[in-house]
N, C-alpha and C. Protein backbone atom coordinates (compact mmCIF):
# COMPACT_ATOMS: atom_id res chain seq x y z
N MET A 1 -147.56 97.21 155.88
CA MET A 1 -148.31 95.87 154.91
C MET A 1 -147.43 94.57 155.58
N ASN A 2 -148.39 93.83 155.94
CA ASN A 2 -148.31 92.64 157.18
C ASN A 2 -148.54 91.45 156.19
N ALA A 3 -147.14 89.61 155.63
CA ALA A 3 -147.71 88.93 155.15
C ALA A 3 -146.74 88.02 156.76
N GLN A 4 -148.04 86.58 155.94
CA GLN A 4 -147.48 85.23 156.39
C GLN A 4 -147.88 84.09 155.91
N VAL A 5 -147.05 83.58 156.20
CA VAL A 5 -147.15 82.16 154.94
C VAL A 5 -147.97 81.30 155.06
N ILE A 6 -149.72 81.15 155.00
CA ILE A 6 -150.13 80.00 154.97
C ILE A 6 -149.97 78.45 154.69
N SER A 7 -149.54 78.39 153.78
CA SER A 7 -148.94 77.15 153.53
C SER A 7 -147.87 77.44 152.39
N SER A 8 -146.74 76.32 152.46
CA SER A 8 -145.91 76.59 151.40
C SER A 8 -144.99 75.32 151.02
N GLU A 9 -145.30 74.96 149.63
CA GLU A 9 -145.10 73.95 149.49
C GLU A 9 -143.47 74.11 148.11
N ALA A 10 -142.81 73.02 147.60
CA ALA A 10 -141.97 73.15 145.93
C ALA A 10 -142.26 74.24 145.42
N LYS A 11 -144.06 74.62 144.80
CA LYS A 11 -144.15 75.02 143.36
C LYS A 11 -145.55 75.61 143.89
N GLU A 12 -145.64 76.22 145.08
CA GLU A 12 -146.98 76.75 145.22
C GLU A 12 -147.13 77.30 147.03
N ILE A 13 -146.98 78.29 146.89
CA ILE A 13 -148.11 79.02 148.43
C ILE A 13 -147.99 80.29 148.42
N SER A 14 -149.38 80.07 149.45
CA SER A 14 -149.93 80.90 149.59
C SER A 14 -149.48 81.73 150.99
N ILE A 15 -150.65 83.23 150.87
CA ILE A 15 -150.20 84.09 152.00
C ILE A 15 -150.65 85.27 152.09
N SER A 16 -151.14 85.37 153.18
CA SER A 16 -152.38 86.03 153.80
C SER A 16 -151.25 87.44 154.27
N ILE A 17 -152.06 88.50 153.24
CA ILE A 17 -151.60 89.82 153.72
C ILE A 17 -153.10 90.64 153.87
N THR A 18 -152.20 91.38 155.78
CA THR A 18 -153.09 92.44 156.20
C THR A 18 -152.32 94.02 155.59
N GLU A 19 -152.87 95.03 155.90
CA GLU A 19 -152.66 96.11 156.23
C GLU A 19 -152.46 96.79 155.08
N THR A 20 -153.18 96.27 153.27
CA THR A 20 -152.97 96.83 152.30
C THR A 20 -154.10 97.13 151.80
N ASP A 21 -153.16 96.88 150.38
CA ASP A 21 -154.32 98.28 149.03
C ASP A 21 -154.09 96.64 148.08
N ILE A 22 -155.76 96.53 148.18
CA ILE A 22 -155.54 95.39 147.29
C ILE A 22 -154.56 95.79 146.13
N GLY A 23 -155.05 96.68 145.48
CA GLY A 23 -154.52 97.17 143.89
C GLY A 23 -152.80 97.23 144.35
N ILE A 24 -152.58 97.26 145.33
CA ILE A 24 -150.73 96.66 145.04
C ILE A 24 -150.67 95.28 145.14
N LEU A 25 -151.31 95.16 144.97
CA LEU A 25 -151.76 93.85 144.86
C LEU A 25 -151.55 92.84 143.64
N TYR A 26 -153.09 93.79 143.52
CA TYR A 26 -153.05 92.86 141.63
C TYR A 26 -151.74 93.68 140.52
N ILE A 27 -151.43 95.00 140.58
CA ILE A 27 -149.86 94.80 140.22
C ILE A 27 -148.87 94.27 140.77
N ILE A 28 -148.25 93.41 141.94
CA ILE A 28 -148.27 92.20 141.65
C ILE A 28 -148.11 91.44 140.72
N GLN A 29 -149.10 90.50 141.52
CA GLN A 29 -150.29 89.62 140.28
C GLN A 29 -149.89 89.97 138.37
N HIS A 30 -150.28 91.03 138.38
CA HIS A 30 -150.12 91.36 137.02
C HIS A 30 -148.52 90.78 136.74
N GLU A 31 -147.75 91.57 137.89
CA GLU A 31 -146.26 91.13 137.01
C GLU A 31 -145.76 89.90 137.49
N LEU A 32 -146.11 88.99 138.54
CA LEU A 32 -146.46 87.88 138.54
C LEU A 32 -147.07 87.48 137.11
N LEU A 33 -148.03 86.88 136.80
CA LEU A 33 -148.41 86.60 135.42
C LEU A 33 -147.78 87.16 134.16
N LYS A 34 -146.88 87.82 134.02
CA LYS A 34 -146.20 87.73 132.96
C LYS A 34 -145.11 87.47 132.60
N ALA A 35 -143.83 86.32 133.81
CA ALA A 35 -143.05 85.75 134.06
C ALA A 35 -143.64 83.84 133.39
N SER A 36 -143.07 83.90 132.59
CA SER A 36 -142.56 82.76 132.70
C SER A 36 -142.78 80.97 132.66
N ASN A 37 -141.75 81.28 134.38
CA ASN A 37 -142.45 80.53 135.21
C ASN A 37 -143.66 80.09 135.81
N VAL A 38 -144.18 81.19 135.73
CA VAL A 38 -145.50 81.58 136.94
C VAL A 38 -146.68 80.79 136.55
N ASN A 39 -147.45 79.66 136.68
CA ASN A 39 -148.52 78.87 136.00
C ASN A 39 -149.64 79.82 136.10
N PHE A 40 -149.96 80.28 137.22
CA PHE A 40 -150.91 80.38 138.43
C PHE A 40 -151.12 81.95 139.31
N ALA A 41 -150.81 82.90 139.58
CA ALA A 41 -151.31 83.88 140.36
C ALA A 41 -152.45 84.53 140.72
N GLY A 42 -153.16 84.33 141.85
CA GLY A 42 -154.85 84.31 142.06
C GLY A 42 -154.30 85.83 143.30
N VAL A 43 -154.88 87.00 143.80
CA VAL A 43 -155.42 87.71 144.82
C VAL A 43 -157.60 87.63 144.99
N ILE A 44 -157.15 87.26 145.96
CA ILE A 44 -158.81 87.74 147.17
C ILE A 44 -158.54 88.53 148.10
N VAL A 45 -159.86 89.04 148.49
CA VAL A 45 -160.17 89.74 149.54
C VAL A 45 -160.84 88.98 150.57
N LYS A 46 -159.99 88.27 151.38
CA LYS A 46 -160.55 87.48 152.35
C LYS A 46 -162.05 88.16 152.75
N HIS A 47 -161.53 89.15 153.32
CA HIS A 47 -163.30 89.94 154.01
C HIS A 47 -163.11 90.85 154.41
N PRO A 48 -163.38 91.91 153.70
CA PRO A 48 -163.62 93.51 153.44
C PRO A 48 -163.79 94.13 154.97
N LEU A 49 -164.18 94.05 155.93
CA LEU A 49 -164.26 93.96 157.36
C LEU A 49 -162.65 93.86 157.89
N THR A 50 -161.93 92.54 157.64
CA THR A 50 -160.53 92.87 158.21
C THR A 50 -159.57 93.11 157.72
N ASN A 51 -160.02 93.88 157.03
CA ASN A 51 -158.68 94.01 155.53
C ASN A 51 -157.57 93.67 155.64
N GLU A 52 -157.67 92.21 155.67
CA GLU A 52 -157.18 90.87 154.77
C GLU A 52 -157.30 90.35 153.52
N CYS A 53 -155.91 90.29 152.53
CA CYS A 53 -155.95 89.17 151.17
C CYS A 53 -155.12 88.36 151.21
N TRP A 54 -155.59 87.42 150.30
CA TRP A 54 -154.86 86.31 150.62
C TRP A 54 -154.40 86.42 148.75
N MET A 55 -152.98 85.51 148.79
CA MET A 55 -152.41 85.82 147.56
C MET A 55 -152.06 84.05 147.18
N ARG A 56 -151.69 83.00 146.30
CA ARG A 56 -152.04 82.18 146.23
C ARG A 56 -151.10 82.51 144.60
N ILE A 57 -149.47 81.63 144.70
CA ILE A 57 -149.06 81.81 143.43
C ILE A 57 -148.44 80.04 143.18
N ASN A 58 -148.39 79.71 142.21
CA ASN A 58 -148.15 77.88 141.36
C ASN A 58 -146.93 78.36 140.40
N SER A 59 -145.54 78.42 140.35
CA SER A 59 -144.89 78.74 140.08
C SER A 59 -143.75 77.53 139.42
N SER A 60 -142.34 77.01 138.45
CA SER A 60 -142.77 75.72 138.32
C SER A 60 -141.48 76.61 138.57
N VAL A 61 -140.62 77.14 139.53
CA VAL A 61 -139.33 77.25 140.39
C VAL A 61 -140.17 77.88 141.48
N LYS A 62 -139.31 78.07 142.15
CA LYS A 62 -139.58 78.83 143.75
C LYS A 62 -140.54 80.49 143.31
N PRO A 63 -141.90 79.49 143.89
CA PRO A 63 -142.77 80.54 144.21
C PRO A 63 -142.45 81.98 144.75
N LEU A 64 -141.71 82.19 146.23
CA LEU A 64 -141.61 83.15 146.72
C LEU A 64 -140.12 83.83 145.76
N GLY A 65 -139.17 83.02 145.11
CA GLY A 65 -138.02 84.41 144.23
C GLY A 65 -138.79 84.50 143.09
N GLU A 66 -140.39 84.42 142.79
CA GLU A 66 -140.90 84.93 141.75
C GLU A 66 -141.79 85.89 142.03
N ILE A 67 -142.26 85.72 143.11
CA ILE A 67 -142.65 86.79 144.16
C ILE A 67 -141.22 88.74 144.52
N LYS A 68 -140.50 87.54 145.06
CA LYS A 68 -139.64 89.00 144.91
C LYS A 68 -138.97 89.95 142.88
N LYS A 69 -139.75 88.75 142.63
CA LYS A 69 -138.54 89.30 141.37
C LYS A 69 -139.72 90.31 140.81
N SER A 70 -141.03 89.68 140.57
CA SER A 70 -142.03 90.44 140.44
C SER A 70 -142.09 91.39 140.88
N THR A 71 -142.54 92.07 142.74
CA THR A 71 -141.93 92.73 142.99
C THR A 71 -141.32 93.92 142.68
N GLU A 72 -139.54 93.37 142.83
CA GLU A 72 -139.14 94.31 141.99
C GLU A 72 -139.42 94.99 140.73
N SER A 73 -140.31 94.46 140.16
CA SER A 73 -140.12 94.66 138.88
C SER A 73 -141.31 96.45 138.79
N ALA A 74 -142.07 95.70 139.75
CA ALA A 74 -143.37 96.51 139.26
C ALA A 74 -143.27 97.63 140.68
N ILE A 75 -142.46 97.74 141.58
CA ILE A 75 -141.20 98.98 142.15
C ILE A 75 -140.74 99.46 140.96
N LYS A 76 -139.81 99.21 140.60
CA LYS A 76 -139.25 100.10 138.92
C LYS A 76 -140.84 100.63 138.09
N MET A 77 -141.74 99.86 137.66
CA MET A 77 -142.21 100.40 137.43
C MET A 77 -143.22 102.07 137.90
N VAL A 78 -143.46 101.77 139.24
CA VAL A 78 -143.78 102.48 139.79
C VAL A 78 -142.62 104.03 139.76
N GLU A 79 -141.97 103.61 139.81
CA GLU A 79 -140.29 104.25 140.23
C GLU A 79 -140.73 105.87 138.33
N GLU A 80 -140.56 104.56 137.27
CA GLU A 80 -140.73 105.55 135.80
C GLU A 80 -141.48 105.95 136.07
N PHE A 81 -142.68 106.25 136.30
CA PHE A 81 -143.94 106.75 136.53
C PHE A 81 -143.92 108.10 137.24
N LYS A 82 -143.37 107.48 138.16
CA LYS A 82 -143.44 109.01 138.90
C LYS A 82 -142.17 109.56 137.91
N GLU A 83 -141.20 108.62 137.90
CA GLU A 83 -140.09 110.96 137.25
C GLU A 83 -141.60 110.73 136.26
N LEU A 84 -141.64 109.96 135.13
CA LEU A 84 -142.62 110.64 134.10
C LEU A 84 -143.82 111.57 134.35
N PHE A 85 -144.32 111.74 135.17
CA PHE A 85 -145.11 112.37 136.20
C PHE A 85 -144.56 113.77 137.04
N ILE A 86 -143.72 113.86 137.20
CA ILE A 86 -142.70 115.08 138.00
C ILE A 86 -142.32 115.59 136.48
N SER A 87 -141.79 114.56 135.60
CA SER A 87 -141.05 115.62 134.81
C SER A 87 -142.34 116.34 133.78
N LYS A 88 -142.76 115.90 133.77
CA LYS A 88 -144.43 116.24 133.00
C LYS A 88 -145.18 117.71 133.37
N LEU A 89 -145.26 117.12 135.06
CA LEU A 89 -145.26 118.85 135.80
C LEU A 89 -144.55 119.83 136.11
N ARG A 90 -143.71 119.90 135.17
CA ARG A 90 -142.63 120.82 135.75
C ARG A 90 -142.54 121.77 134.33
């Protein structure tokens, strides 16, 4: 996964992300939208042949910090699912 900031302001950031699966970004978007400081979080596939996705976040606090928190939350959730599935398969 490669990410590049397209534009950044105090309360809004736009990011271009390549070499990723849109499903991962949807999980991060879901976590962002659960945060009380986030007003908007959107993800789109820019073009299916280029495998480029864009994400835009509008927040009342630093949006990059909100991305970090939401990503950490998504990772924790996936680890919990992994442990659940492993325990059920034993």
